[in-house]
């Protein structure tokens, strides 16, 4: 039977009843990161806030810190969620342990499919992601700056229509 991990001293977040701790990591300057099945809990001032795995755009281990880019919803087109990235945040860990590997695993496992589409003025990534704690997937769209809004909306609607078609049996 696997050991049940304890929340670190000073953790201020409130976990969901079924939110299992995957691992924790002590930060070099004090405080902790807490990884659960639902997301990455990060310190925000004196509080902790959960960043859902489906909203982690990028997480990179640079041998001294975990650098995390979080996405925020900027709008919707039909059932698709349009995303924009916040500035990357750097979390220097006292000892990396399994934190970098587990973050990579959780972020990667939330992605069901991804593809890029070139559009006038730029392009966009279309990513189907599983939202921890919910059934099904959500279509997320991250457009390059300068992408023509009308072309983006038309492509999102086309992709949503294609995704809603039943797949014929082989």
N, C-alpha and C. Protein backbone atom coordinates (compact mmCIF):
# COMPACT_ATOMS: atom_id res chain seq x y z
N UNK A 1 0.85 -1.18 0.00
CA UNK A 1 0.00 0.00 0.00
C UNK A 1 0.89 1.24 0.00
N UNK A 2 0.59 2.19 -0.87
CA UNK A 2 1.39 3.41 -0.98
C UNK A 2 1.19 4.30 0.24
N UNK A 3 2.25 4.98 0.64
CA UNK A 3 2.17 5.89 1.77
C UNK A 3 1.34 7.12 1.38
N UNK A 4 0.61 7.63 2.34
CA UNK A 4 -0.16 8.85 2.11
C UNK A 4 0.74 10.03 2.44
N UNK A 5 0.91 10.92 1.47
CA UNK A 5 1.78 12.08 1.67
C UNK A 5 1.05 13.15 2.48
N UNK A 6 1.80 13.82 3.33
CA UNK A 6 1.26 14.90 4.16
C UNK A 6 1.49 16.24 3.47
N UNK A 7 0.59 17.17 3.73
CA UNK A 7 0.80 18.53 3.24
C UNK A 7 1.92 19.17 4.04
N UNK A 8 2.77 19.95 3.40
CA UNK A 8 3.87 20.60 4.12
C UNK A 8 3.35 21.67 5.09
N UNK A 9 4.12 21.91 6.14
CA UNK A 9 3.78 22.96 7.10
C UNK A 9 3.70 24.29 6.35
N UNK A 10 2.71 25.08 6.69
CA UNK A 10 2.56 26.39 6.07
C UNK A 10 1.72 26.39 4.80
N UNK A 11 1.28 25.22 4.34
CA UNK A 11 0.44 25.16 3.14
C UNK A 11 -0.91 25.75 3.47
N UNK A 12 -1.39 26.69 2.65
CA UNK A 12 -2.63 27.40 2.95
C UNK A 12 -3.80 27.03 2.04
N UNK A 13 -3.56 26.18 1.04
CA UNK A 13 -4.63 25.81 0.12
C UNK A 13 -5.62 24.85 0.75
N UNK A 14 -6.76 24.69 0.10
CA UNK A 14 -7.76 23.73 0.54
C UNK A 14 -7.96 22.71 -0.56
N UNK A 15 -7.55 21.47 -0.30
CA UNK A 15 -7.68 20.41 -1.29
C UNK A 15 -9.12 19.94 -1.38
N UNK A 16 -9.51 19.48 -2.58
CA UNK A 16 -10.80 18.83 -2.75
C UNK A 16 -10.79 17.52 -1.95
N UNK A 17 -11.96 17.00 -1.62
CA UNK A 17 -12.04 15.77 -0.82
C UNK A 17 -11.29 14.61 -1.47
N UNK A 18 -11.31 14.52 -2.80
CA UNK A 18 -10.65 13.41 -3.50
C UNK A 18 -9.33 13.82 -4.15
N UNK A 19 -8.78 14.94 -3.73
CA UNK A 19 -7.54 15.45 -4.34
C UNK A 19 -6.32 14.83 -3.66
N UNK A 20 -5.75 13.86 -4.32
CA UNK A 20 -4.61 13.11 -3.77
C UNK A 20 -3.30 13.84 -4.06
N UNK A 21 -2.42 13.88 -3.05
CA UNK A 21 -1.09 14.48 -3.22
C UNK A 21 -0.20 13.50 -3.97
N UNK A 22 0.46 13.98 -5.02
CA UNK A 22 1.38 13.17 -5.82
C UNK A 22 2.79 13.30 -5.26
N UNK A 23 3.23 14.53 -5.03
CA UNK A 23 4.53 14.80 -4.42
C UNK A 23 4.57 16.26 -4.01
N UNK A 24 5.59 16.62 -3.25
CA UNK A 24 5.80 18.01 -2.85
C UNK A 24 7.26 18.37 -3.08
N UNK A 25 7.53 19.64 -3.18
CA UNK A 25 8.90 20.11 -3.34
C UNK A 25 9.13 21.37 -2.55
N UNK A 26 10.20 21.37 -1.76
CA UNK A 26 10.54 22.55 -0.97
C UNK A 26 11.24 23.57 -1.85
N UNK A 27 10.80 24.82 -1.74
CA UNK A 27 11.42 25.90 -2.51
C UNK A 27 12.66 26.41 -1.78
N UNK A 28 13.66 26.80 -2.54
CA UNK A 28 14.93 27.25 -1.98
C UNK A 28 14.75 28.46 -1.05
N UNK A 29 13.84 29.34 -1.35
CA UNK A 29 13.62 30.53 -0.53
C UNK A 29 12.55 30.36 0.52
N UNK A 30 12.09 29.14 0.75
CA UNK A 30 11.01 28.87 1.69
C UNK A 30 9.71 28.63 0.96
N UNK A 31 8.85 27.86 1.55
CA UNK A 31 7.58 27.50 0.94
C UNK A 31 7.70 26.20 0.17
N UNK A 32 6.61 25.80 -0.46
CA UNK A 32 6.56 24.51 -1.14
C UNK A 32 5.71 24.58 -2.40
N UNK A 33 6.02 23.68 -3.33
CA UNK A 33 5.11 23.34 -4.42
C UNK A 33 4.43 22.05 -3.99
N UNK A 34 3.15 21.92 -4.27
CA UNK A 34 2.41 20.70 -3.97
C UNK A 34 1.76 20.23 -5.26
N UNK A 35 2.07 19.01 -5.67
CA UNK A 35 1.49 18.43 -6.88
C UNK A 35 0.40 17.47 -6.45
N UNK A 36 -0.79 17.64 -7.03
CA UNK A 36 -1.90 16.73 -6.77
C UNK A 36 -2.41 16.21 -8.10
N UNK A 37 -3.36 15.33 -8.05
CA UNK A 37 -3.92 14.80 -9.29
C UNK A 37 -4.67 15.88 -10.07
N UNK A 38 -5.06 16.97 -9.40
CA UNK A 38 -5.82 18.04 -10.06
C UNK A 38 -4.96 19.20 -10.54
N UNK A 39 -3.76 19.35 -10.00
CA UNK A 39 -2.95 20.48 -10.45
C UNK A 39 -1.72 20.72 -9.60
N UNK A 40 -1.08 21.82 -9.90
CA UNK A 40 0.14 22.26 -9.23
C UNK A 40 -0.22 23.43 -8.32
N UNK A 41 -0.04 23.22 -7.02
CA UNK A 41 -0.28 24.29 -6.05
C UNK A 41 0.99 25.11 -5.93
N UNK A 42 0.86 26.42 -6.15
CA UNK A 42 2.02 27.31 -6.12
C UNK A 42 1.78 28.41 -5.08
N UNK A 43 2.87 28.87 -4.45
CA UNK A 43 2.71 29.98 -3.51
C UNK A 43 2.38 31.27 -4.26
N UNK A 44 1.48 32.00 -3.69
CA UNK A 44 1.08 33.30 -4.24
C UNK A 44 0.99 34.25 -3.06
N UNK A 45 2.09 34.93 -2.78
CA UNK A 45 2.17 35.74 -1.56
C UNK A 45 2.15 34.80 -0.36
N UNK A 46 1.25 35.05 0.58
CA UNK A 46 1.14 34.20 1.77
C UNK A 46 0.18 33.03 1.55
N UNK A 47 -0.44 32.96 0.39
CA UNK A 47 -1.42 31.92 0.09
C UNK A 47 -0.86 30.92 -0.92
N UNK A 48 -1.64 29.87 -1.17
CA UNK A 48 -1.32 28.91 -2.23
C UNK A 48 -2.51 28.86 -3.19
N UNK A 49 -2.21 28.67 -4.46
CA UNK A 49 -3.25 28.63 -5.49
C UNK A 49 -2.98 27.44 -6.40
N UNK A 50 -4.06 26.74 -6.77
CA UNK A 50 -3.91 25.58 -7.66
C UNK A 50 -3.98 26.03 -9.11
N UNK A 51 -3.00 25.56 -9.88
CA UNK A 51 -2.93 25.77 -11.32
C UNK A 51 -3.32 24.41 -11.93
N UNK A 52 -4.48 24.31 -12.55
CA UNK A 52 -4.90 23.04 -13.14
C UNK A 52 -3.91 22.56 -14.19
N UNK A 53 -3.70 21.24 -14.27
CA UNK A 53 -2.75 20.69 -15.25
C UNK A 53 -3.10 21.12 -16.67
N UNK A 54 -4.39 21.27 -16.96
CA UNK A 54 -4.82 21.65 -18.31
C UNK A 54 -4.50 23.10 -18.63
N UNK A 55 -4.06 23.87 -17.63
CA UNK A 55 -3.71 25.27 -17.86
C UNK A 55 -2.21 25.52 -17.76
N UNK A 56 -1.43 24.46 -17.68
CA UNK A 56 0.03 24.61 -17.72
C UNK A 56 0.44 24.50 -19.18
N UNK A 57 0.82 25.64 -19.77
CA UNK A 57 1.22 25.67 -21.18
C UNK A 57 2.58 25.04 -21.37
N UNK A 58 3.46 25.30 -20.43
CA UNK A 58 4.83 24.83 -20.57
C UNK A 58 5.45 24.75 -19.18
N UNK A 59 6.23 23.71 -18.96
CA UNK A 59 6.99 23.56 -17.72
C UNK A 59 8.35 23.00 -18.08
N UNK A 60 9.40 23.71 -17.69
CA UNK A 60 10.76 23.34 -18.05
C UNK A 60 11.62 23.30 -16.79
N UNK A 61 12.43 22.26 -16.66
CA UNK A 61 13.39 22.17 -15.57
C UNK A 61 14.72 22.65 -16.12
N UNK A 62 15.30 23.69 -15.49
CA UNK A 62 16.57 24.23 -16.01
C UNK A 62 17.76 23.89 -15.10
N UNK A 63 17.67 22.81 -14.37
CA UNK A 63 18.71 22.29 -13.46
C UNK A 63 18.77 23.01 -12.12
N UNK A 64 18.04 24.09 -11.97
CA UNK A 64 18.00 24.75 -10.67
C UNK A 64 16.59 25.21 -10.30
N UNK A 65 15.74 25.30 -11.30
CA UNK A 65 14.39 25.79 -11.05
C UNK A 65 13.40 25.19 -12.05
N UNK A 66 12.17 25.12 -11.61
CA UNK A 66 11.07 24.74 -12.48
C UNK A 66 10.48 26.05 -13.01
N UNK A 67 10.45 26.20 -14.33
CA UNK A 67 9.91 27.40 -14.96
C UNK A 67 8.57 27.02 -15.58
N UNK A 68 7.50 27.64 -15.07
CA UNK A 68 6.14 27.26 -15.45
C UNK A 68 5.44 28.43 -16.14
N UNK A 69 4.85 28.14 -17.30
CA UNK A 69 4.03 29.13 -18.01
C UNK A 69 2.58 28.68 -17.88
N UNK A 70 1.78 29.54 -17.29
CA UNK A 70 0.36 29.24 -17.07
C UNK A 70 -0.48 29.95 -18.13
N UNK A 71 -1.50 29.27 -18.60
CA UNK A 71 -2.44 29.85 -19.57
C UNK A 71 -3.68 30.36 -18.84
N UNK A 72 -4.30 31.37 -19.43
CA UNK A 72 -5.57 31.88 -18.93
C UNK A 72 -6.54 31.95 -20.10
N UNK A 73 -7.81 31.72 -19.81
CA UNK A 73 -8.84 31.82 -20.84
C UNK A 73 -9.02 33.29 -21.21
N UNK A 74 -8.99 33.56 -22.51
CA UNK A 74 -9.20 34.93 -22.99
C UNK A 74 -10.53 35.08 -23.71
N UNK A 75 -11.22 33.96 -23.93
CA UNK A 75 -12.50 33.99 -24.60
C UNK A 75 -12.91 32.60 -25.03
N UNK A 76 -14.02 32.52 -25.74
CA UNK A 76 -14.49 31.25 -26.27
C UNK A 76 -15.00 31.45 -27.69
N UNK A 77 -14.94 30.38 -28.45
CA UNK A 77 -15.59 30.31 -29.75
C UNK A 77 -16.31 28.97 -29.73
N UNK A 78 -17.63 29.01 -29.69
CA UNK A 78 -18.38 27.77 -29.52
C UNK A 78 -17.94 27.11 -28.22
N UNK A 79 -17.62 25.82 -28.30
CA UNK A 79 -17.17 25.08 -27.11
C UNK A 79 -15.66 25.16 -26.90
N UNK A 80 -14.95 25.86 -27.77
CA UNK A 80 -13.49 25.97 -27.65
C UNK A 80 -13.12 27.13 -26.73
N UNK A 81 -12.04 26.93 -26.00
CA UNK A 81 -11.53 27.96 -25.09
C UNK A 81 -10.28 28.58 -25.71
N UNK A 82 -10.31 29.90 -25.89
CA UNK A 82 -9.14 30.61 -26.40
C UNK A 82 -8.23 30.93 -25.23
N UNK A 83 -6.93 30.70 -25.40
CA UNK A 83 -5.98 30.88 -24.31
C UNK A 83 -4.92 31.91 -24.64
N UNK A 84 -4.40 32.51 -23.61
CA UNK A 84 -3.22 33.37 -23.69
C UNK A 84 -2.31 32.98 -22.54
N UNK A 85 -1.02 33.18 -22.70
CA UNK A 85 -0.06 32.79 -21.67
C UNK A 85 0.29 33.96 -20.76
N UNK A 86 0.39 33.66 -19.47
CA UNK A 86 0.92 34.60 -18.50
C UNK A 86 2.45 34.55 -18.58
N UNK A 87 3.14 35.53 -18.03
CA UNK A 87 4.61 35.45 -18.01
C UNK A 87 5.06 34.21 -17.24
N UNK A 88 6.15 33.57 -17.67
CA UNK A 88 6.66 32.39 -16.97
C UNK A 88 7.02 32.72 -15.52
N UNK A 89 6.81 31.75 -14.64
CA UNK A 89 7.20 31.88 -13.23
C UNK A 89 8.29 30.87 -12.93
N UNK A 90 9.26 31.29 -12.14
CA UNK A 90 10.42 30.45 -11.82
C UNK A 90 10.33 30.03 -10.36
N UNK A 91 10.39 28.71 -10.13
CA UNK A 91 10.35 28.16 -8.78
C UNK A 91 11.65 27.41 -8.52
N UNK A 92 12.56 28.02 -7.75
CA UNK A 92 13.83 27.39 -7.42
C UNK A 92 13.58 26.36 -6.31
N UNK A 93 13.91 25.12 -6.59
CA UNK A 93 13.70 24.04 -5.62
C UNK A 93 14.97 23.77 -4.83
N UNK A 94 14.81 23.53 -3.52
CA UNK A 94 15.96 23.18 -2.68
C UNK A 94 16.57 21.87 -3.18
N UNK A 95 15.74 20.89 -3.46
CA UNK A 95 16.12 19.60 -4.05
C UNK A 95 15.03 19.25 -5.05
N UNK A 96 15.37 18.96 -6.29
CA UNK A 96 14.31 18.70 -7.28
C UNK A 96 13.50 17.44 -6.98
N UNK A 97 14.15 16.40 -6.46
CA UNK A 97 13.43 15.15 -6.23
C UNK A 97 12.69 14.72 -7.49
N UNK A 98 11.44 14.33 -7.33
CA UNK A 98 10.63 13.88 -8.47
C UNK A 98 9.76 14.99 -9.05
N UNK A 99 9.84 16.19 -8.49
CA UNK A 99 8.95 17.27 -8.93
C UNK A 99 9.02 17.54 -10.43
N UNK A 100 10.20 17.79 -11.02
CA UNK A 100 10.23 18.08 -12.46
C UNK A 100 9.64 16.96 -13.31
N UNK A 101 9.99 15.73 -12.99
CA UNK A 101 9.49 14.57 -13.74
C UNK A 101 7.98 14.44 -13.60
N UNK A 102 7.46 14.61 -12.39
CA UNK A 102 6.02 14.46 -12.17
C UNK A 102 5.23 15.59 -12.84
N UNK A 103 5.77 16.81 -12.85
CA UNK A 103 5.09 17.91 -13.53
C UNK A 103 5.02 17.60 -15.02
N UNK A 104 6.13 17.19 -15.61
CA UNK A 104 6.15 16.85 -17.04
C UNK A 104 5.14 15.75 -17.35
N UNK A 105 5.11 14.72 -16.51
CA UNK A 105 4.19 13.60 -16.72
C UNK A 105 2.74 14.05 -16.65
N UNK A 106 2.40 14.86 -15.67
CA UNK A 106 1.02 15.32 -15.50
C UNK A 106 0.58 16.23 -16.65
N UNK A 107 1.44 17.15 -17.04
CA UNK A 107 1.09 18.06 -18.14
C UNK A 107 0.92 17.27 -19.43
N UNK A 108 1.87 16.39 -19.72
CA UNK A 108 1.82 15.59 -20.95
C UNK A 108 0.59 14.70 -20.97
N UNK A 109 0.24 14.09 -19.84
CA UNK A 109 -0.90 13.18 -19.82
C UNK A 109 -2.23 13.91 -19.97
N UNK A 110 -2.26 15.23 -19.76
CA UNK A 110 -3.51 15.97 -19.96
C UNK A 110 -3.78 16.23 -21.44
N UNK A 111 -2.76 16.08 -22.29
CA UNK A 111 -2.91 16.37 -23.72
C UNK A 111 -3.36 15.12 -24.47
N UNK A 112 -4.49 15.21 -25.16
CA UNK A 112 -5.01 14.09 -25.95
C UNK A 112 -4.58 14.21 -27.41
N UNK A 113 -4.53 15.43 -27.93
CA UNK A 113 -4.06 15.65 -29.30
C UNK A 113 -3.68 17.11 -29.45
N UNK A 114 -2.81 17.38 -30.42
CA UNK A 114 -2.46 18.77 -30.71
C UNK A 114 -2.06 18.88 -32.17
N UNK A 115 -2.38 20.01 -32.76
CA UNK A 115 -1.93 20.30 -34.11
C UNK A 115 -1.87 21.81 -34.30
N UNK A 116 -1.05 22.20 -35.24
CA UNK A 116 -0.87 23.62 -35.54
C UNK A 116 -1.50 23.93 -36.89
N UNK A 117 -2.11 25.08 -36.96
CA UNK A 117 -2.73 25.54 -38.20
C UNK A 117 -2.20 26.94 -38.51
N UNK A 118 -1.66 27.11 -39.71
CA UNK A 118 -1.19 28.44 -40.14
C UNK A 118 -2.39 29.23 -40.63
N UNK A 119 -2.46 30.49 -40.22
CA UNK A 119 -3.57 31.37 -40.56
C UNK A 119 -3.02 32.73 -40.97
N UNK A 120 -3.84 33.56 -41.63
CA UNK A 120 -3.37 34.90 -41.97
C UNK A 120 -2.90 35.65 -40.72
N UNK A 121 -1.71 36.22 -40.80
CA UNK A 121 -1.16 36.98 -39.68
C UNK A 121 -0.46 36.16 -38.62
N UNK A 122 -0.47 34.84 -38.75
CA UNK A 122 0.16 33.99 -37.73
C UNK A 122 -0.32 32.56 -37.83
N UNK A 123 -0.79 32.05 -36.74
CA UNK A 123 -1.26 30.67 -36.70
C UNK A 123 -1.78 30.38 -35.30
N UNK A 124 -2.13 29.13 -35.07
CA UNK A 124 -2.66 28.75 -33.76
C UNK A 124 -2.41 27.28 -33.49
N UNK A 125 -2.24 26.97 -32.23
CA UNK A 125 -2.19 25.59 -31.76
C UNK A 125 -3.58 25.20 -31.30
N UNK A 126 -4.04 24.04 -31.74
CA UNK A 126 -5.31 23.46 -31.33
C UNK A 126 -4.97 22.24 -30.49
N UNK A 127 -5.36 22.27 -29.22
CA UNK A 127 -4.99 21.20 -28.30
C UNK A 127 -6.23 20.68 -27.59
N UNK A 128 -6.44 19.38 -27.69
CA UNK A 128 -7.51 18.76 -26.91
C UNK A 128 -6.89 18.27 -25.62
N UNK A 129 -7.46 18.72 -24.49
CA UNK A 129 -6.89 18.37 -23.20
C UNK A 129 -7.96 17.83 -22.26
N UNK A 130 -7.52 16.91 -21.45
CA UNK A 130 -8.36 16.37 -20.39
C UNK A 130 -8.25 17.34 -19.22
N UNK A 131 -9.39 17.65 -18.63
CA UNK A 131 -9.42 18.53 -17.46
C UNK A 131 -9.51 17.63 -16.23
N UNK A 132 -8.50 17.65 -15.36
CA UNK A 132 -8.52 16.77 -14.19
C UNK A 132 -9.79 16.94 -13.37
N UNK A 133 -10.40 15.82 -13.02
CA UNK A 133 -11.60 15.84 -12.22
C UNK A 133 -12.89 15.90 -13.02
N UNK A 134 -12.79 16.06 -14.35
CA UNK A 134 -13.97 16.12 -15.21
C UNK A 134 -13.88 15.06 -16.29
N UNK A 135 -15.03 14.63 -16.79
CA UNK A 135 -15.05 13.68 -17.90
C UNK A 135 -14.89 14.43 -19.22
N UNK A 136 -14.33 13.76 -20.20
CA UNK A 136 -14.22 14.34 -21.53
C UNK A 136 -13.00 15.22 -21.69
N UNK A 137 -12.98 15.92 -22.83
CA UNK A 137 -11.86 16.81 -23.15
C UNK A 137 -12.39 18.18 -23.55
N UNK A 138 -11.51 19.16 -23.51
CA UNK A 138 -11.84 20.51 -23.94
C UNK A 138 -10.88 20.87 -25.06
N UNK A 139 -11.39 21.59 -26.06
CA UNK A 139 -10.53 22.09 -27.12
C UNK A 139 -10.01 23.46 -26.70
N UNK A 140 -8.68 23.56 -26.62
CA UNK A 140 -8.03 24.82 -26.29
C UNK A 140 -7.33 25.33 -27.55
N UNK A 141 -7.37 26.65 -27.75
CA UNK A 141 -6.75 27.25 -28.92
C UNK A 141 -5.86 28.40 -28.46
N UNK A 142 -4.59 28.31 -28.82
CA UNK A 142 -3.61 29.35 -28.47
C UNK A 142 -3.12 29.96 -29.77
N UNK A 143 -3.55 31.19 -30.05
CA UNK A 143 -3.18 31.87 -31.30
C UNK A 143 -1.91 32.70 -31.11
N UNK A 144 -1.14 32.79 -32.18
CA UNK A 144 0.03 33.67 -32.19
C UNK A 144 -0.46 35.12 -32.17
N UNK A 145 0.33 36.02 -31.58
CA UNK A 145 -0.01 37.44 -31.67
C UNK A 145 -0.08 37.84 -33.15
N UNK A 146 -1.07 38.65 -33.49
CA UNK A 146 -1.21 39.12 -34.87
C UNK A 146 -2.07 38.24 -35.76
N UNK A 147 -2.50 37.08 -35.25
CA UNK A 147 -3.36 36.20 -36.06
C UNK A 147 -4.69 36.90 -36.31
N UNK A 148 -5.14 36.87 -37.56
CA UNK A 148 -6.39 37.53 -37.94
C UNK A 148 -7.56 36.91 -37.17
N UNK A 149 -8.28 37.71 -36.36
CA UNK A 149 -9.37 37.17 -35.54
C UNK A 149 -10.45 36.46 -36.34
N UNK A 150 -10.85 37.01 -37.49
CA UNK A 150 -11.89 36.37 -38.30
C UNK A 150 -11.46 35.01 -38.81
N UNK A 151 -10.21 34.91 -39.27
CA UNK A 151 -9.69 33.63 -39.76
C UNK A 151 -9.59 32.62 -38.63
N UNK A 152 -9.19 33.10 -37.44
CA UNK A 152 -9.09 32.21 -36.28
C UNK A 152 -10.46 31.66 -35.92
N UNK A 153 -11.45 32.54 -35.82
CA UNK A 153 -12.80 32.09 -35.45
C UNK A 153 -13.34 31.09 -36.47
N UNK A 154 -13.16 31.36 -37.75
CA UNK A 154 -13.64 30.43 -38.79
C UNK A 154 -12.97 29.07 -38.66
N UNK A 155 -11.65 29.05 -38.40
CA UNK A 155 -10.94 27.79 -38.28
C UNK A 155 -11.37 27.04 -37.02
N UNK A 156 -11.58 27.75 -35.92
CA UNK A 156 -12.03 27.10 -34.68
C UNK A 156 -13.39 26.44 -34.92
N UNK A 157 -14.31 27.14 -35.57
CA UNK A 157 -15.63 26.56 -35.84
C UNK A 157 -15.52 25.34 -36.75
N UNK A 158 -14.62 25.40 -37.73
CA UNK A 158 -14.41 24.25 -38.62
C UNK A 158 -13.86 23.06 -37.85
N UNK A 159 -12.90 23.30 -36.99
CA UNK A 159 -12.32 22.21 -36.19
C UNK A 159 -13.37 21.63 -35.26
N UNK A 160 -14.17 22.47 -34.61
CA UNK A 160 -15.23 21.97 -33.73
C UNK A 160 -16.22 21.11 -34.51
N UNK A 161 -16.55 21.53 -35.73
CA UNK A 161 -17.48 20.75 -36.54
C UNK A 161 -16.87 19.39 -36.88
N UNK A 162 -15.59 19.37 -37.26
CA UNK A 162 -14.92 18.10 -37.57
C UNK A 162 -14.88 17.18 -36.36
N UNK A 163 -14.62 17.76 -35.20
CA UNK A 163 -14.54 16.95 -33.97
C UNK A 163 -15.88 16.36 -33.56
N UNK A 164 -16.97 17.02 -33.96
CA UNK A 164 -18.29 16.54 -33.57
C UNK A 164 -18.82 15.43 -34.47
N UNK A 165 -18.16 15.21 -35.62
CA UNK A 165 -18.59 14.15 -36.53
C UNK A 165 -18.22 12.79 -35.98
N UNK A 166 -19.13 11.82 -36.10
CA UNK A 166 -18.78 10.47 -35.66
C UNK A 166 -17.69 9.87 -36.55
N UNK A 167 -16.84 9.09 -35.95
CA UNK A 167 -15.78 8.42 -36.70
C UNK A 167 -16.35 7.13 -37.28
N UNK A 168 -16.25 6.94 -38.62
CA UNK A 168 -16.81 5.72 -39.22
C UNK A 168 -16.00 4.50 -38.79
N UNK A 169 -16.67 3.36 -38.62
CA UNK A 169 -15.95 2.14 -38.25
C UNK A 169 -15.03 1.69 -39.37
N UNK A 170 -13.96 1.03 -39.02
CA UNK A 170 -13.00 0.55 -40.01
C UNK A 170 -13.35 -0.81 -40.52
